[in-house]
C-alpha atoms as a PDB file:
ATOM      1  CA  UNK A   1      -4.214  -1.344  18.814  1.00  0.00           C
ATOM      2  CA  UNK A   2      -2.882  -3.551  16.007  1.00  0.00           C
ATOM      3  CA  UNK A   3       0.696  -2.810  14.938  1.00  0.00           C
ATOM      4  CA  UNK A   4       1.369  -2.692  11.190  1.00  0.00           C
ATOM      5  CA  UNK A   5       4.778  -3.087   9.543  1.00  0.00           C
ATOM      6  CA  UNK A   6       5.297  -2.372   5.853  1.00  0.00           C
ATOM      7  CA  UNK A   7       8.029  -3.959   3.737  1.00  0.00           C
ATOM      8  CA  UNK A   8       8.982  -4.625   0.125  1.00  0.00           C
ATOM      9  CA  UNK A   9       9.869  -1.159  -1.099  1.00  0.00           C
ATOM     10  CA  UNK A  10      12.955  -0.344  -3.100  1.00  0.00           C
ATOM     11  CA  UNK A  11      14.379   1.205  -6.243  1.00  0.00           C
ATOM     12  CA  UNK A  12      12.815   0.181  -9.542  1.00  0.00           C
ATOM     13  CA  UNK A  13      12.963   1.454 -13.123  1.00  0.00           C
ATOM     14  CA  UNK A  14       9.894   2.927 -14.844  1.00  0.00           C
ATOM     15  CA  UNK A  15       7.704   0.102 -16.096  1.00  0.00           C
ATOM     16  CA  UNK A  16       8.892  -2.238 -13.379  1.00  0.00           C
ATOM     17  CA  UNK A  17       7.003  -3.970 -10.587  1.00  0.00           C
ATOM     18  CA  UNK A  18       7.118  -4.286  -6.815  1.00  0.00           C
ATOM     19  CA  UNK A  19       5.031  -6.120  -4.246  1.00  0.00           C
ATOM     20  CA  UNK A  20       4.589  -4.510  -0.845  1.00  0.00           C
ATOM     21  CA  UNK A  21       3.592  -6.412   2.277  1.00  0.00           C
ATOM     22  CA  UNK A  22       1.928  -5.232   5.477  1.00  0.00           C
ATOM     23  CA  UNK A  23       2.249  -7.560   8.455  1.00  0.00           C
ATOM     24  CA  UNK A  24      -0.162  -7.030  11.339  1.00  0.00           C
ATOM     25  CA  UNK A  25       0.437  -8.028  14.958  1.00  0.00           C
ATOM     26  CA  UNK A  26      -3.173  -9.134  15.255  1.00  0.00           C
ATOM     27  CA  UNK A  27      -6.336  -9.468  13.213  1.00  0.00           C
ATOM     28  CA  UNK A  28      -6.656  -7.088  10.285  1.00  0.00           C
ATOM     29  CA  UNK A  29      -9.188  -4.297  10.409  1.00  0.00           C
ATOM     30  CA  UNK A  30     -12.429  -4.834   8.524  1.00  0.00           C
ATOM     31  CA  UNK A  31     -11.312  -2.309   5.892  1.00  0.00           C
ATOM     32  CA  UNK A  32      -7.609  -1.989   5.096  1.00  0.00           C
ATOM     33  CA  UNK A  33      -5.922   0.515   2.850  1.00  0.00           C
ATOM     34  CA  UNK A  34      -2.623   1.446   1.277  1.00  0.00           C
ATOM     35  CA  UNK A  35      -1.628   5.108   1.317  1.00  0.00           C
ATOM     36  CA  UNK A  36       1.326   7.029  -0.079  1.00  0.00           C
ATOM     37  CA  UNK A  37       3.019  10.341   0.544  1.00  0.00           C
ATOM     38  CA  UNK A  38       5.652  12.124  -1.517  1.00  0.00           C
ATOM     39  CA  UNK A  39       7.703  14.981  -0.007  1.00  0.00           C
ATOM     40  CA  UNK A  40       5.717  18.209   0.055  1.00  0.00           C
ATOM     41  CA  UNK A  41       2.499  16.472  -0.949  1.00  0.00           C
ATOM     42  CA  UNK A  42      -0.460  15.294   1.137  1.00  0.00           C
ATOM     43  CA  UNK A  43      -0.897  11.655   1.984  1.00  0.00           C
ATOM     44  CA  UNK A  44      -3.500   9.926  -0.137  1.00  0.00           C
ATOM     45  CA  UNK A  45      -5.139   6.534  -0.450  1.00  0.00           C
ATOM     46  CA  UNK A  46      -4.116   4.326  -3.371  1.00  0.00           C
ATOM     47  CA  UNK A  47      -6.145   1.201  -2.586  1.00  0.00           C
ATOM     48  CA  UNK A  48      -8.559  -0.257  -0.057  1.00  0.00           C
ATOM     49  CA  UNK A  49     -10.021  -3.666   0.571  1.00  0.00           C
ATOM     50  CA  UNK A  50     -12.811  -5.036   2.764  1.00  0.00           C
ATOM     51  CA  UNK A  51     -12.651  -8.230   4.768  1.00  0.00           C
ATOM     52  CA  UNK A  52     -14.575 -10.110   2.077  1.00  0.00           C
ATOM     53  CA  UNK A  53     -12.251  -8.881  -0.673  1.00  0.00           C
ATOM     54  CA  UNK A  54     -14.059  -5.939  -2.258  1.00  0.00           C
ATOM     55  CA  UNK A  55     -11.531  -3.413  -3.588  1.00  0.00           C
ATOM     56  CA  UNK A  56     -11.393   0.173  -4.784  1.00  0.00           C
ATOM     57  CA  UNK A  57      -8.703   2.352  -6.386  1.00  0.00           C
ATOM     58  CA  UNK A  58      -8.316   5.930  -7.534  1.00  0.00           C
ATOM     59  CA  UNK A  59      -7.936   6.537 -11.259  1.00  0.00           C
ATOM     60  CA  UNK A  60      -4.231   7.299 -10.853  1.00  0.00           C
ATOM     61  CA  UNK A  61      -3.403   3.652 -10.094  1.00  0.00           C
ATOM     62  CA  UNK A  62      -6.414   1.743 -11.405  1.00  0.00           C
ATOM     63  CA  UNK A  63      -5.356  -1.101 -13.668  1.00  0.00           C
ATOM     64  CA  UNK A  64      -1.776  -1.013 -12.374  1.00  0.00           C
ATOM     65  CA  UNK A  65      -2.078  -1.677  -8.634  1.00  0.00           C
ATOM     66  CA  UNK A  66      -3.807  -4.608  -6.953  1.00  0.00           C
ATOM     67  CA  UNK A  67      -4.523  -4.847  -3.230  1.00  0.00           C
ATOM     68  CA  UNK A  68      -5.129  -8.212  -1.578  1.00  0.00           C
ATOM     69  CA  UNK A  69      -5.362  -9.618   1.935  1.00  0.00           C
ATOM     70  CA  UNK A  70      -4.774 -12.903   3.679  1.00  0.00           C
ATOM     71  CA  UNK A  71      -6.871 -12.783   6.821  1.00  0.00           C
ATOM     72  CA  UNK A  72      -5.412 -16.048   8.141  1.00  0.00           C
ATOM     73  CA  UNK A  73      -1.888 -14.603   7.884  1.00  0.00           C
ATOM     74  CA  UNK A  74      -2.906 -11.120   9.051  1.00  0.00           C
ATOM     75  CA  UNK A  75      -1.166  -9.677   6.004  1.00  0.00           C
ATOM     76  CA  UNK A  76      -2.128  -7.168   3.303  1.00  0.00           C
ATOM     77  CA  UNK A  77      -0.336  -6.864  -0.030  1.00  0.00           C
ATOM     78  CA  UNK A  78      -0.020  -4.279  -2.756  1.00  0.00           C
ATOM     79  CA  UNK A  79       1.111  -5.487  -6.169  1.00  0.00           C
ATOM     80  CA  UNK A  80       2.369  -2.551  -8.224  1.00  0.00           C
ATOM     81  CA  UNK A  81       2.933  -2.980 -11.954  1.00  0.00           C
ATOM     82  CA  UNK A  82       3.851  -0.577 -14.757  1.00  0.00           C
ATOM     83  CA  UNK A  83       5.369   1.785 -12.228  1.00  0.00           C
ATOM     84  CA  UNK A  84       5.813   5.443 -13.118  1.00  0.00           C
ATOM     85  CA  UNK A  85       8.148   8.073 -11.707  1.00  0.00           C
ATOM     86  CA  UNK A  86       5.149   9.795 -10.145  1.00  0.00           C
ATOM     87  CA  UNK A  87       4.551   6.683  -8.021  1.00  0.00           C
ATOM     88  CA  UNK A  88       7.673   7.560  -6.020  1.00  0.00           C
ATOM     89  CA  UNK A  89       6.610   7.964  -2.384  1.00  0.00           C
ATOM     90  CA  UNK A  90       6.619   6.404   1.043  1.00  0.00           C
ATOM     91  CA  UNK A  91       3.891   3.771   1.145  1.00  0.00           C
ATOM     92  CA  UNK A  92       1.910   3.012   4.293  1.00  0.00           C
ATOM     93  CA  UNK A  93      -0.760   0.522   5.230  1.00  0.00           C
ATOM     94  CA  UNK A  94      -3.483   1.360   7.705  1.00  0.00           C
ATOM     95  CA  UNK A  95      -7.119   0.888   8.511  1.00  0.00           C
ATOM     96  CA  UNK A  96      -9.743   2.814   6.586  1.00  0.00           C
ATOM     97  CA  UNK A  97     -10.331   5.377   7.871  1.00  0.00           C
ATOM     98  CA  UNK A  98      -6.712   5.447   9.134  1.00  0.00           C
ATOM     99  CA  UNK A  99      -5.454   5.563  12.695  1.00  0.00           C
ATOM    100  CA  UNK A 100      -1.879   6.312  13.691  1.00  0.00           C
ATOM    101  CA  UNK A 101       0.880   5.914  11.099  1.00  0.00           C
ATOM    102  CA  UNK A 102       3.878   3.597  11.055  1.00  0.00           C
ATOM    103  CA  UNK A 103       7.216   4.021   9.301  1.00  0.00           C
ATOM    104  CA  UNK A 104       6.090   3.012   5.828  1.00  0.00           C
ATOM    105  CA  UNK A 105       8.320   1.686   3.068  1.00  0.00           C
ATOM    106  CA  UNK A 106      10.072   3.790   0.423  1.00  0.00           C
ATOM    107  CA  UNK A 107       9.313   3.200  -3.246  1.00  0.00           C
ATOM    108  CA  UNK A 108      11.539   5.012  -5.726  1.00  0.00           C
ATOM    109  CA  UNK A 109      10.847   4.785  -9.458  1.00  0.00           C
ATOM    110  CA  UNK A 110      13.762   6.167 -11.440  1.00  0.00           C
ATOM    111  CA  UNK A 111      15.857   5.423 -14.500  1.00  0.00           C
END
């Protein structure tokens, strides 16, 4: 089982940007995704990417978030722009469909 460690979260003002990283202990899965979960809400997918670079996003983040992967570095990224308060959540990376969950990284959007 590949271990995944998320990093790059933090506190940012509305309209700001953050880039999250997901470092894998081995080769990335063929389909990787970023997920988020706010307290009291279900976890949901915010981006996914195939090994050859095809991406998909839900309408809630489309045009603002960009997922990318570097297969040679075994790393997945999530560039988040024009952040909104409703983007506040713990962000996780995982395979798609997901396996077990790691610790994630906290993103807080607040003025």
